[in-house]
């Protein structure tokens, strides 16, 4: 259509020129315009290289040399990007295969439960692993048809049992504890690690200076992308740091808290381990209700440390630290 418009424009312009000549020769101006259009189209066709006609079913191809103007659009074309198939089992396995550049104590994003549990045992064989189920309702199935799925695993220290009728506390006699929550993807995806949160409580009267904790995090994850309320590291789907500020919907991709979406008001405790979480999940609501898991967030992987942030004095004594690693594309 663009070529036809150019030809038509040339023909109209030519009609004005040839129309003047035709008037001098007492020729019909309408016929002169038709002749000019025919001549201009023939000249245009003569300049075009001759190519065999494409099959009608072949869609037009986009030029491969074009570059996206949006920095995020490059990542969106990669596994976990905002375009294309995001959520089929095959797509999530592809995303998982490229998400393992981030870990907490060897537990990597994209691992299977078996791999994650092996990593937990390799880190600390004394940690107890509890599976927490959730009830899931598939909106495409019959109403009220709930399926129990293992959505979380909680690996934790086993401490005191002050009452034989209650499960043991996570904390030992010195008050220290180590709790790691692993969130898995849900059907129709195979279970894969999408989020890891670790909360370490240091022994009583043995706090750690904030600057030492931040130095250890920088050694593992590099220089943080931002220091707002929390220290944050943002990576693209290829594992490269994203230094530019996240704008628009992307700004909502940063976790509001480390345990957001867990179904608990905070990190789980010993009382949560003797029963399934009452969380009732509807697959259709997960993405729309949580901006951290929206399509705009799929090109990124995110690390945050709490409560280390811009307002944390370097010499502050820290009694507890929480670190979260998550893949919005998997979640």
C-alpha atoms as a PDB file:
ATOM      1  CA  UNK A   1       0.000   0.000   0.000  1.00  0.00           C
ATOM      2  CA  UNK A   2       2.910   2.338   0.712  1.00  0.00           C
ATOM      3  CA  UNK A   3       4.345   1.654  -2.743  1.00  0.00           C
ATOM      4  CA  UNK A   4       0.938   2.241  -4.318  1.00  0.00           C
ATOM      5  CA  UNK A   5       0.620   5.568  -2.463  1.00  0.00           C
ATOM      6  CA  UNK A   6       4.005   6.678  -3.742  1.00  0.00           C
ATOM      7  CA  UNK A   7       3.059   5.718  -7.274  1.00  0.00           C
ATOM      8  CA  UNK A   8      -0.246   7.555  -6.960  1.00  0.00           C
ATOM      9  CA  UNK A   9       1.518  10.647  -5.645  1.00  0.00           C
ATOM     10  CA  UNK A  10       3.931  10.559  -8.566  1.00  0.00           C
ATOM     11  CA  UNK A  11       1.014  10.120 -10.946  1.00  0.00           C
ATOM     12  CA  UNK A  12      -0.877  13.103  -9.542  1.00  0.00           C
ATOM     13  CA  UNK A  13       2.227  15.269  -9.731  1.00  0.00           C
ATOM     14  CA  UNK A  14       2.870  14.069 -13.260  1.00  0.00           C
ATOM     15  CA  UNK A  15      -0.735  14.816 -14.186  1.00  0.00           C
ATOM     16  CA  UNK A  16      -0.174  18.471 -13.367  1.00  0.00           C
ATOM     17  CA  UNK A  17       2.874  18.557 -15.649  1.00  0.00           C
ATOM     18  CA  UNK A  18       1.466  16.481 -18.468  1.00  0.00           C
ATOM     19  CA  UNK A  19      -1.923  18.089 -18.009  1.00  0.00           C
ATOM     20  CA  UNK A  20      -0.469  21.430 -19.060  1.00  0.00           C
ATOM     21  CA  UNK A  21       0.983  19.835 -22.175  1.00  0.00           C
ATOM     22  CA  UNK A  22      -2.278  18.053 -22.908  1.00  0.00           C
ATOM     23  CA  UNK A  23      -4.197  21.301 -22.624  1.00  0.00           C
ATOM     24  CA  UNK A  24      -1.886  22.885 -25.151  1.00  0.00           C
ATOM     25  CA  UNK A  25      -2.584  19.942 -27.457  1.00  0.00           C
ATOM     26  CA  UNK A  26      -6.370  20.169 -26.732  1.00  0.00           C
ATOM     27  CA  UNK A  27      -6.243  16.713 -25.099  1.00  0.00           C
ATOM     28  CA  UNK A  28      -8.739  15.713 -22.395  1.00  0.00           C
ATOM     29  CA  UNK A  29      -7.061  16.531 -19.007  1.00  0.00           C
ATOM     30  CA  UNK A  30      -8.615  13.433 -17.350  1.00  0.00           C
ATOM     31  CA  UNK A  31      -7.129  11.208 -20.026  1.00  0.00           C
ATOM     32  CA  UNK A  32      -3.791  12.997 -19.580  1.00  0.00           C
ATOM     33  CA  UNK A  33      -3.848  12.199 -15.870  1.00  0.00           C
ATOM     34  CA  UNK A  34      -4.605   8.540 -16.594  1.00  0.00           C
ATOM     35  CA  UNK A  35      -1.742   8.369 -19.088  1.00  0.00           C
ATOM     36  CA  UNK A  36       0.590  10.026 -16.569  1.00  0.00           C
ATOM     37  CA  UNK A  37      -0.425   7.604 -13.815  1.00  0.00           C
ATOM     38  CA  UNK A  38       0.173   4.628 -16.124  1.00  0.00           C
ATOM     39  CA  UNK A  39       3.578   5.951 -17.154  1.00  0.00           C
ATOM     40  CA  UNK A  40       4.629   6.702 -13.554  1.00  0.00           C
ATOM     41  CA  UNK A  41       3.611   3.243 -12.389  1.00  0.00           C
ATOM     42  CA  UNK A  42       5.545   1.610 -15.235  1.00  0.00           C
ATOM     43  CA  UNK A  43       8.644   3.625 -14.312  1.00  0.00           C
ATOM     44  CA  UNK A  44       8.249   2.689 -10.636  1.00  0.00           C
ATOM     45  CA  UNK A  45       7.929  -1.015 -11.464  1.00  0.00           C
ATOM     46  CA  UNK A  46      10.990  -0.845 -13.728  1.00  0.00           C
ATOM     47  CA  UNK A  47      13.107   0.448 -10.822  1.00  0.00           C
ATOM     48  CA  UNK A  48      12.113  -2.402  -8.462  1.00  0.00           C
ATOM     49  CA  UNK A  49      14.265  -5.572  -8.454  1.00  0.00           C
ATOM     50  CA  UNK A  50      12.438  -8.570  -9.792  1.00  0.00           C
ATOM     51  CA  UNK A  51      11.640 -11.076  -7.050  1.00  0.00           C
ATOM     52  CA  UNK A  52       9.430 -14.150  -7.080  1.00  0.00           C
ATOM     53  CA  UNK A  53       6.110 -13.489  -5.353  1.00  0.00           C
ATOM     54  CA  UNK A  54       5.885 -14.711  -1.781  1.00  0.00           C
ATOM     55  CA  UNK A  55       3.424 -17.389  -0.863  1.00  0.00           C
ATOM     56  CA  UNK A  56       0.173 -15.876   0.415  1.00  0.00           C
ATOM     57  CA  UNK A  57       0.481 -17.673   3.758  1.00  0.00           C
ATOM     58  CA  UNK A  58       3.963 -16.304   4.519  1.00  0.00           C
ATOM     59  CA  UNK A  59       3.757 -13.487   7.099  1.00  0.00           C
ATOM     60  CA  UNK A  60       5.898 -10.383   6.615  1.00  0.00           C
ATOM     61  CA  UNK A  61       9.236 -10.617   8.374  1.00  0.00           C
ATOM     62  CA  UNK A  62      10.619  -7.966  10.677  1.00  0.00           C
ATOM     63  CA  UNK A  63      14.050  -6.650   9.772  1.00  0.00           C
ATOM     64  CA  UNK A  64      16.693  -8.350  11.887  1.00  0.00           C
ATOM     65  CA  UNK A  65      18.876  -5.291  12.076  1.00  0.00           C
ATOM     66  CA  UNK A  66      16.340  -3.168  13.946  1.00  0.00           C
ATOM     67  CA  UNK A  67      17.222  -2.434  17.566  1.00  0.00           C
ATOM     68  CA  UNK A  68      14.642  -1.873  20.316  1.00  0.00           C
ATOM     69  CA  UNK A  69      14.542   1.619  21.757  1.00  0.00           C
ATOM     70  CA  UNK A  70      13.438   0.434  25.204  1.00  0.00           C
ATOM     71  CA  UNK A  71      16.298  -1.074  27.243  1.00  0.00           C
ATOM     72  CA  UNK A  72      13.924  -3.535  28.861  1.00  0.00           C
ATOM     73  CA  UNK A  73      12.641  -4.818  25.533  1.00  0.00           C
ATOM     74  CA  UNK A  74      15.908  -6.657  24.880  1.00  0.00           C
ATOM     75  CA  UNK A  75      15.447  -8.658  28.053  1.00  0.00           C
ATOM     76  CA  UNK A  76      11.772  -9.191  27.285  1.00  0.00           C
ATOM     77  CA  UNK A  77      12.748 -11.168  24.208  1.00  0.00           C
ATOM     78  CA  UNK A  78      14.786 -13.536  26.360  1.00  0.00           C
ATOM     79  CA  UNK A  79      13.390 -16.408  28.445  1.00  0.00           C
ATOM     80  CA  UNK A  80      11.237 -14.881  31.153  1.00  0.00           C
ATOM     81  CA  UNK A  81      10.567 -11.760  29.099  1.00  0.00           C
ATOM     82  CA  UNK A  82       7.257  -9.957  29.005  1.00  0.00           C
ATOM     83  CA  UNK A  83       6.362 -11.297  25.566  1.00  0.00           C
ATOM     84  CA  UNK A  84       5.636 -14.727  24.203  1.00  0.00           C
ATOM     85  CA  UNK A  85       4.816 -17.902  26.089  1.00  0.00           C
ATOM     86  CA  UNK A  86       5.506 -17.301  29.766  1.00  0.00           C
ATOM     87  CA  UNK A  87       3.703 -19.936  31.699  1.00  0.00           C
ATOM     88  CA  UNK A  88       3.572 -23.318  30.025  1.00  0.00           C
ATOM     89  CA  UNK A  89       5.625 -26.124  31.627  1.00  0.00           C
ATOM     90  CA  UNK A  90       8.106 -26.022  28.752  1.00  0.00           C
ATOM     91  CA  UNK A  91       8.526 -22.248  28.954  1.00  0.00           C
ATOM     92  CA  UNK A  92       9.091 -22.337  32.711  1.00  0.00           C
ATOM     93  CA  UNK A  93      11.716 -25.051  32.355  1.00  0.00           C
ATOM     94  CA  UNK A  94      13.520 -22.805  29.860  1.00  0.00           C
ATOM     95  CA  UNK A  95      13.310 -19.878  32.274  1.00  0.00           C
ATOM     96  CA  UNK A  96      14.548 -22.081  35.120  1.00  0.00           C
ATOM     97  CA  UNK A  97      17.581 -23.167  33.121  1.00  0.00           C
ATOM     98  CA  UNK A  98      18.754 -19.555  32.887  1.00  0.00           C
ATOM     99  CA  UNK A  99      17.802 -18.391  36.404  1.00  0.00           C
ATOM    100  CA  UNK A 100      20.395 -20.292  38.409  1.00  0.00           C
ATOM    101  CA  UNK A 101      22.925 -17.468  38.578  1.00  0.00           C
ATOM    102  CA  UNK A 102      21.340 -16.334  41.880  1.00  0.00           C
ATOM    103  CA  UNK A 103      21.290 -18.395  45.056  1.00  0.00           C
ATOM    104  CA  UNK A 104      21.116 -18.311  48.812  1.00  0.00           C
ATOM    105  CA  UNK A 105      23.462 -20.808  50.540  1.00  0.00           C
ATOM    106  CA  UNK A 106      23.569 -22.844  47.338  1.00  0.00           C
ATOM    107  CA  UNK A 107      19.793 -22.991  46.796  1.00  0.00           C
ATOM    108  CA  UNK A 108      19.375 -21.638  43.272  1.00  0.00           C
ATOM    109  CA  UNK A 109      16.428 -20.183  41.448  1.00  0.00           C
ATOM    110  CA  UNK A 110      14.961 -22.737  39.045  1.00  0.00           C
ATOM    111  CA  UNK A 111      16.009 -25.806  41.056  1.00  0.00           C
ATOM    112  CA  UNK A 112      13.674 -28.748  41.493  1.00  0.00           C
ATOM    113  CA  UNK A 113      12.617 -29.575  45.081  1.00  0.00           C
ATOM    114  CA  UNK A 114      15.046 -32.508  45.162  1.00  0.00           C
ATOM    115  CA  UNK A 115      17.920 -30.261  44.109  1.00  0.00           C
ATOM    116  CA  UNK A 116      16.914 -27.563  46.597  1.00  0.00           C
ATOM    117  CA  UNK A 117      16.698 -30.018  49.498  1.00  0.00           C
ATOM    118  CA  UNK A 118      20.094 -31.463  48.596  1.00  0.00           C
ATOM    119  CA  UNK A 119      21.515 -27.912  48.649  1.00  0.00           C
ATOM    120  CA  UNK A 120      19.980 -27.331  52.092  1.00  0.00           C
ATOM    121  CA  UNK A 121      21.563 -30.503  53.459  1.00  0.00           C
ATOM    122  CA  UNK A 122      24.915 -29.624  51.892  1.00  0.00           C
ATOM    123  CA  UNK A 123      24.783 -26.240  53.625  1.00  0.00           C
ATOM    124  CA  UNK A 124      23.629 -27.489  57.023  1.00  0.00           C
ATOM    125  CA  UNK A 125      22.626 -31.082  57.559  1.00  0.00           C
ATOM    126  CA  UNK A 126      21.024 -30.166  60.914  1.00  0.00           C
ATOM    127  CA  UNK A 127      18.257 -28.080  59.373  1.00  0.00           C
ATOM    128  CA  UNK A 128      14.787 -29.620  59.424  1.00  0.00           C
ATOM    129  CA  UNK A 129      12.723 -29.323  56.236  1.00  0.00           C
ATOM    130  CA  UNK A 130       8.946 -28.965  56.493  1.00  0.00           C
ATOM    131  CA  UNK A 131       6.629 -28.928  53.478  1.00  0.00           C
ATOM    132  CA  UNK A 132       3.756 -26.456  53.588  1.00  0.00           C
ATOM    133  CA  UNK A 133       0.793 -27.203  51.338  1.00  0.00           C
ATOM    134  CA  UNK A 134      -1.690 -24.761  49.900  1.00  0.00           C
ATOM    135  CA  UNK A 135      -5.123 -25.260  48.401  1.00  0.00           C
ATOM    136  CA  UNK A 136      -5.306 -24.273  44.747  1.00  0.00           C
ATOM    137  CA  UNK A 137      -8.456 -23.770  42.720  1.00  0.00           C
ATOM    138  CA  UNK A 138      -7.997 -23.937  38.968  1.00  0.00           C
ATOM    139  CA  UNK A 139     -10.389 -21.388  37.406  1.00  0.00           C
ATOM    140  CA  UNK A 140     -10.679 -23.524  34.268  1.00  0.00           C
ATOM    141  CA  UNK A 141     -11.974 -26.499  36.251  1.00  0.00           C
ATOM    142  CA  UNK A 142     -15.142 -27.152  38.249  1.00  0.00           C
ATOM    143  CA  UNK A 143     -15.974 -24.569  40.916  1.00  0.00           C
ATOM    144  CA  UNK A 144     -14.780 -25.625  44.350  1.00  0.00           C
ATOM    145  CA  UNK A 145     -12.451 -28.314  43.002  1.00  0.00           C
ATOM    146  CA  UNK A 146      -9.399 -27.684  45.166  1.00  0.00           C
ATOM    147  CA  UNK A 147      -6.015 -29.365  44.814  1.00  0.00           C
ATOM    148  CA  UNK A 148      -3.411 -29.528  47.567  1.00  0.00           C
ATOM    149  CA  UNK A 149      -0.027 -28.504  46.228  1.00  0.00           C
ATOM    150  CA  UNK A 150       3.342 -28.185  48.025  1.00  0.00           C
ATOM    151  CA  UNK A 151       3.873 -24.476  47.636  1.00  0.00           C
ATOM    152  CA  UNK A 152       6.567 -23.862  50.253  1.00  0.00           C
ATOM    153  CA  UNK A 153       9.375 -25.642  52.018  1.00  0.00           C
ATOM    154  CA  UNK A 154      10.712 -24.257  55.293  1.00  0.00           C
ATOM    155  CA  UNK A 155      14.206 -25.329  56.297  1.00  0.00           C
ATOM    156  CA  UNK A 156      14.958 -24.295  59.861  1.00  0.00           C
ATOM    157  CA  UNK A 157      17.017 -24.883  62.931  1.00  0.00           C
ATOM    158  CA  UNK A 158      15.436 -26.971  65.675  1.00  0.00           C
ATOM    159  CA  UNK A 159      15.740 -25.399  69.067  1.00  0.00           C
ATOM    160  CA  UNK A 160      13.991 -25.613  72.396  1.00  0.00           C
ATOM    161  CA  UNK A 161      10.787 -27.498  73.167  1.00  0.00           C
ATOM    162  CA  UNK A 162       9.445 -25.676  76.236  1.00  0.00           C
ATOM    163  CA  UNK A 163       6.239 -27.732  76.219  1.00  0.00           C
ATOM    164  CA  UNK A 164       6.046 -31.357  75.018  1.00  0.00           C
ATOM    165  CA  UNK A 165       2.583 -30.674  73.582  1.00  0.00           C
ATOM    166  CA  UNK A 166       3.914 -28.050  71.156  1.00  0.00           C
ATOM    167  CA  UNK A 167       6.449 -28.256  68.332  1.00  0.00           C
ATOM    168  CA  UNK A 168       9.981 -27.154  69.045  1.00  0.00           C
ATOM    169  CA  UNK A 169      10.952 -23.537  68.610  1.00  0.00           C
ATOM    170  CA  UNK A 170      13.317 -22.555  65.830  1.00  0.00           C
ATOM    171  CA  UNK A 171      15.642 -20.697  68.223  1.00  0.00           C
ATOM    172  CA  UNK A 172      18.183 -22.366  70.443  1.00  0.00           C
ATOM    173  CA  UNK A 173      19.247 -21.533  73.967  1.00  0.00           C
ATOM    174  CA  UNK A 174      21.364 -18.595  72.756  1.00  0.00           C
ATOM    175  CA  UNK A 175      18.423 -17.124  70.836  1.00  0.00           C
ATOM    176  CA  UNK A 176      19.920 -17.770  67.399  1.00  0.00           C
ATOM    177  CA  UNK A 177      18.002 -19.299  64.517  1.00  0.00           C
ATOM    178  CA  UNK A 178      18.228 -19.830  60.791  1.00  0.00           C
ATOM    179  CA  UNK A 179      15.043 -20.041  58.717  1.00  0.00           C
ATOM    180  CA  UNK A 180      14.969 -20.521  54.933  1.00  0.00           C
ATOM    181  CA  UNK A 181      11.661 -20.385  53.054  1.00  0.00           C
ATOM    182  CA  UNK A 182      11.557 -21.765  49.504  1.00  0.00           C
ATOM    183  CA  UNK A 183       8.565 -20.992  47.302  1.00  0.00           C
ATOM    184  CA  UNK A 184       7.847 -23.336  44.411  1.00  0.00           C
ATOM    185  CA  UNK A 185       5.974 -22.718  41.199  1.00  0.00           C
ATOM    186  CA  UNK A 186       2.480 -24.192  41.053  1.00  0.00           C
ATOM    187  CA  UNK A 187       0.655 -26.285  38.420  1.00  0.00           C
ATOM    188  CA  UNK A 188       0.582 -26.518  35.482  1.00  0.00           C
ATOM    189  CA  UNK A 189       4.303 -25.855  35.915  1.00  0.00           C
ATOM    190  CA  UNK A 190       6.459 -28.548  37.472  1.00  0.00           C
ATOM    191  CA  UNK A 191       7.603 -27.423  40.942  1.00  0.00           C
ATOM    192  CA  UNK A 192      10.614 -25.141  40.569  1.00  0.00           C
ATOM    193  CA  UNK A 193      12.245 -22.725  43.008  1.00  0.00           C
ATOM    194  CA  UNK A 194      10.896 -19.236  42.287  1.00  0.00           C
ATOM    195  CA  UNK A 195      11.754 -17.437  45.518  1.00  0.00           C
ATOM    196  CA  UNK A 196      14.130 -17.972  48.447  1.00  0.00           C
ATOM    197  CA  UNK A 197      14.083 -16.041  51.715  1.00  0.00           C
ATOM    198  CA  UNK A 198      16.583 -16.531  54.511  1.00  0.00           C
ATOM    199  CA  UNK A 199      16.238 -14.930  57.933  1.00  0.00           C
ATOM    200  CA  UNK A 200      19.205 -15.237  60.277  1.00  0.00           C
ATOM    201  CA  UNK A 201      18.834 -14.286  63.928  1.00  0.00           C
ATOM    202  CA  UNK A 202      22.209 -13.819  65.563  1.00  0.00           C
ATOM    203  CA  UNK A 203      22.962 -15.062  69.089  1.00  0.00           C
ATOM    204  CA  UNK A 204      21.981 -12.819  71.948  1.00  0.00           C
ATOM    205  CA  UNK A 205      24.591 -10.220  72.821  1.00  0.00           C
ATOM    206  CA  UNK A 206      26.442 -11.098  69.590  1.00  0.00           C
ATOM    207  CA  UNK A 207      25.085  -8.667  66.980  1.00  0.00           C
ATOM    208  CA  UNK A 208      26.875  -8.013  63.696  1.00  0.00           C
ATOM    209  CA  UNK A 209      27.833  -4.567  62.431  1.00  0.00           C
ATOM    210  CA  UNK A 210      25.702  -3.478  59.442  1.00  0.00           C
ATOM    211  CA  UNK A 211      28.735  -2.581  57.317  1.00  0.00           C
ATOM    212  CA  UNK A 212      30.109  -6.121  57.674  1.00  0.00           C
ATOM    213  CA  UNK A 213      26.817  -7.621  56.509  1.00  0.00           C
ATOM    214  CA  UNK A 214      26.638  -5.270  53.530  1.00  0.00           C
ATOM    215  CA  UNK A 215      30.243  -6.034  52.572  1.00  0.00           C
ATOM    216  CA  UNK A 216      29.452  -9.773  52.569  1.00  0.00           C
ATOM    217  CA  UNK A 217      26.392  -9.206  50.360  1.00  0.00           C
ATOM    218  CA  UNK A 218      28.391  -7.079  47.913  1.00  0.00           C
ATOM    219  CA  UNK A 219      31.029  -9.778  47.698  1.00  0.00           C
ATOM    220  CA  UNK A 220      28.344 -12.276  46.696  1.00  0.00           C
ATOM    221  CA  UNK A 221      25.998 -10.186  44.515  1.00  0.00           C
ATOM    222  CA  UNK A 222      28.125  -7.196  43.478  1.00  0.00           C
ATOM    223  CA  UNK A 223      27.361  -3.517  43.953  1.00  0.00           C
ATOM    224  CA  UNK A 224      23.721  -2.945  44.791  1.00  0.00           C
ATOM    225  CA  UNK A 225      21.490  -1.231  42.240  1.00  0.00           C
ATOM    226  CA  UNK A 226      19.847   1.054  44.804  1.00  0.00           C
ATOM    227  CA  UNK A 227      19.876   1.869  48.481  1.00  0.00           C
ATOM    228  CA  UNK A 228      16.377   3.011  49.285  1.00  0.00           C
ATOM    229  CA  UNK A 229      14.527   1.516  52.212  1.00  0.00           C
ATOM    230  CA  UNK A 230      16.390  -1.730  51.478  1.00  0.00           C
ATOM    231  CA  UNK A 231      19.569  -2.641  49.638  1.00  0.00           C
ATOM    232  CA  UNK A 232      18.518  -3.996  46.244  1.00  0.00           C
ATOM    233  CA  UNK A 233      20.231  -5.831  43.399  1.00  0.00           C
ATOM    234  CA  UNK A 234      18.455  -6.100  40.023  1.00  0.00           C
ATOM    235  CA  UNK A 235      19.628  -8.378  37.205  1.00  0.00           C
ATOM    236  CA  UNK A 236      18.366  -9.027  33.699  1.00  0.00           C
ATOM    237  CA  UNK A 237      17.525 -12.509  32.409  1.00  0.00           C
ATOM    238  CA  UNK A 238      21.144 -12.994  31.289  1.00  0.00           C
ATOM    239  CA  UNK A 239      22.451 -12.320  34.801  1.00  0.00           C
ATOM    240  CA  UNK A 240      23.821  -8.841  34.072  1.00  0.00           C
ATOM    241  CA  UNK A 241      23.257  -6.075  36.663  1.00  0.00           C
ATOM    242  CA  UNK A 242      20.609  -3.510  35.771  1.00  0.00           C
ATOM    243  CA  UNK A 243      21.929  -0.116  36.827  1.00  0.00           C
ATOM    244  CA  UNK A 244      19.172   2.051  35.353  1.00  0.00           C
ATOM    245  CA  UNK A 245      16.258   3.018  37.621  1.00  0.00           C
ATOM    246  CA  UNK A 246      13.115   0.947  37.205  1.00  0.00           C
ATOM    247  CA  UNK A 247      10.342   3.149  35.836  1.00  0.00           C
ATOM    248  CA  UNK A 248       6.577   2.902  35.576  1.00  0.00           C
ATOM    249  CA  UNK A 249       5.196  -0.609  36.215  1.00  0.00           C
ATOM    250  CA  UNK A 250       8.764  -1.899  36.609  1.00  0.00           C
ATOM    251  CA  UNK A 251       9.137   0.104  39.831  1.00  0.00           C
ATOM    252  CA  UNK A 252       6.464  -2.113  41.417  1.00  0.00           C
ATOM    253  CA  UNK A 253       8.584  -5.216  40.784  1.00  0.00           C
ATOM    254  CA  UNK A 254      10.701  -4.645  43.884  1.00  0.00           C
ATOM    255  CA  UNK A 255       9.411  -6.637  46.875  1.00  0.00           C
ATOM    256  CA  UNK A 256       7.578  -4.603  49.473  1.00  0.00           C
ATOM    257  CA  UNK A 257       8.707  -7.071  52.141  1.00  0.00           C
ATOM    258  CA  UNK A 258      10.718 -10.290  52.092  1.00  0.00           C
ATOM    259  CA  UNK A 259       7.800 -12.558  52.988  1.00  0.00           C
ATOM    260  CA  UNK A 260       5.144 -10.949  50.779  1.00  0.00           C
ATOM    261  CA  UNK A 261       2.720 -13.497  49.351  1.00  0.00           C
ATOM    262  CA  UNK A 262       3.652 -16.207  51.858  1.00  0.00           C
ATOM    263  CA  UNK A 263       0.272 -16.281  53.594  1.00  0.00           C
ATOM    264  CA  UNK A 264       1.955 -15.406  56.905  1.00  0.00           C
ATOM    265  CA  UNK A 265       2.231 -11.926  58.457  1.00  0.00           C
ATOM    266  CA  UNK A 266       5.977 -12.501  58.756  1.00  0.00           C
ATOM    267  CA  UNK A 267       8.492 -15.287  58.439  1.00  0.00           C
ATOM    268  CA  UNK A 268       6.911 -18.599  59.494  1.00  0.00           C
ATOM    269  CA  UNK A 269       7.500 -19.830  63.014  1.00  0.00           C
ATOM    270  CA  UNK A 270       7.235 -23.131  64.845  1.00  0.00           C
ATOM    271  CA  UNK A 271       3.449 -22.816  65.172  1.00  0.00           C
ATOM    272  CA  UNK A 272       3.065 -22.781  61.388  1.00  0.00           C
ATOM    273  CA  UNK A 273       4.815 -26.100  60.918  1.00  0.00           C
ATOM    274  CA  UNK A 274       2.199 -28.329  62.567  1.00  0.00           C
ATOM    275  CA  UNK A 275      -0.512 -27.449  60.054  1.00  0.00           C
ATOM    276  CA  UNK A 276      -0.930 -26.448  56.438  1.00  0.00           C
ATOM    277  CA  UNK A 277      -1.125 -22.769  55.685  1.00  0.00           C
ATOM    278  CA  UNK A 278      -4.770 -21.726  55.206  1.00  0.00           C
ATOM    279  CA  UNK A 279      -3.887 -19.870  52.034  1.00  0.00           C
ATOM    280  CA  UNK A 280      -6.458 -20.489  49.311  1.00  0.00           C
ATOM    281  CA  UNK A 281      -4.988 -19.698  45.933  1.00  0.00           C
ATOM    282  CA  UNK A 282      -6.775 -18.938  42.696  1.00  0.00           C
ATOM    283  CA  UNK A 283      -4.428 -19.127  39.720  1.00  0.00           C
ATOM    284  CA  UNK A 284      -6.247 -16.337  37.893  1.00  0.00           C
ATOM    285  CA  UNK A 285      -5.677 -13.959  40.814  1.00  0.00           C
ATOM    286  CA  UNK A 286      -1.984 -14.464  41.417  1.00  0.00           C
ATOM    287  CA  UNK A 287      -0.631 -12.253  38.641  1.00  0.00           C
ATOM    288  CA  UNK A 288      -3.275  -9.532  38.874  1.00  0.00           C
ATOM    289  CA  UNK A 289      -3.109  -9.220  42.660  1.00  0.00           C
ATOM    290  CA  UNK A 290       0.663  -9.051  43.064  1.00  0.00           C
ATOM    291  CA  UNK A 291       2.530  -6.443  40.987  1.00  0.00           C
ATOM    292  CA  UNK A 292       5.819  -8.169  41.861  1.00  0.00           C
ATOM    293  CA  UNK A 293       4.707 -11.064  39.626  1.00  0.00           C
ATOM    294  CA  UNK A 294       3.302  -9.073  36.709  1.00  0.00           C
ATOM    295  CA  UNK A 295       4.414  -9.294  33.084  1.00  0.00           C
ATOM    296  CA  UNK A 296       6.492  -6.109  33.425  1.00  0.00           C
ATOM    297  CA  UNK A 297       8.700  -7.857  35.993  1.00  0.00           C
ATOM    298  CA  UNK A 298       9.507 -10.998  33.993  1.00  0.00           C
ATOM    299  CA  UNK A 299      12.786  -9.697  32.505  1.00  0.00           C
ATOM    300  CA  UNK A 300      14.337  -9.280  35.972  1.00  0.00           C
ATOM    301  CA  UNK A 301      15.724 -11.246  38.896  1.00  0.00           C
ATOM    302  CA  UNK A 302      15.848  -9.406  42.207  1.00  0.00           C
ATOM    303  CA  UNK A 303      17.790  -9.582  45.472  1.00  0.00           C
ATOM    304  CA  UNK A 304      16.917  -7.519  48.542  1.00  0.00           C
ATOM    305  CA  UNK A 305      18.424  -7.305  52.016  1.00  0.00           C
ATOM    306  CA  UNK A 306      16.383  -6.210  55.036  1.00  0.00           C
ATOM    307  CA  UNK A 307      16.652  -3.993  56.947  1.00  0.00           C
ATOM    308  CA  UNK A 308      19.896  -2.819  55.369  1.00  0.00           C
ATOM    309  CA  UNK A 309      19.138   0.389  53.520  1.00  0.00           C
ATOM    310  CA  UNK A 310      20.137   3.964  52.936  1.00  0.00           C
ATOM    311  CA  UNK A 311      19.101   4.958  56.435  1.00  0.00           C
ATOM    312  CA  UNK A 312      21.054   2.183  58.161  1.00  0.00           C
ATOM    313  CA  UNK A 313      24.166   3.541  59.895  1.00  0.00           C
ATOM    314  CA  UNK A 314      27.250   1.465  58.997  1.00  0.00           C
ATOM    315  CA  UNK A 315      28.074   0.928  62.662  1.00  0.00           C
ATOM    316  CA  UNK A 316      24.559  -0.166  63.639  1.00  0.00           C
ATOM    317  CA  UNK A 317      24.440  -3.435  65.551  1.00  0.00           C
ATOM    318  CA  UNK A 318      22.188  -5.899  63.715  1.00  0.00           C
ATOM    319  CA  UNK A 319      20.419  -8.667  65.598  1.00  0.00           C
ATOM    320  CA  UNK A 320      18.675 -10.111  62.530  1.00  0.00           C
ATOM    321  CA  UNK A 321      19.040  -9.938  58.757  1.00  0.00           C
ATOM    322  CA  UNK A 322      16.743 -11.168  56.002  1.00  0.00           C
ATOM    323  CA  UNK A 323      17.722 -11.677  52.351  1.00  0.00           C
ATOM    324  CA  UNK A 324      15.297 -12.532  49.550  1.00  0.00           C
ATOM    325  CA  UNK A 325      16.055 -13.732  46.009  1.00  0.00           C
ATOM    326  CA  UNK A 326      13.227 -14.082  43.512  1.00  0.00           C
ATOM    327  CA  UNK A 327      12.451 -14.611  39.840  1.00  0.00           C
ATOM    328  CA  UNK A 328       9.205 -12.855  38.830  1.00  0.00           C
ATOM    329  CA  UNK A 329       9.197 -14.854  35.603  1.00  0.00           C
ATOM    330  CA  UNK A 330       8.980 -18.121  37.539  1.00  0.00           C
ATOM    331  CA  UNK A 331       6.582 -16.781  40.159  1.00  0.00           C
END
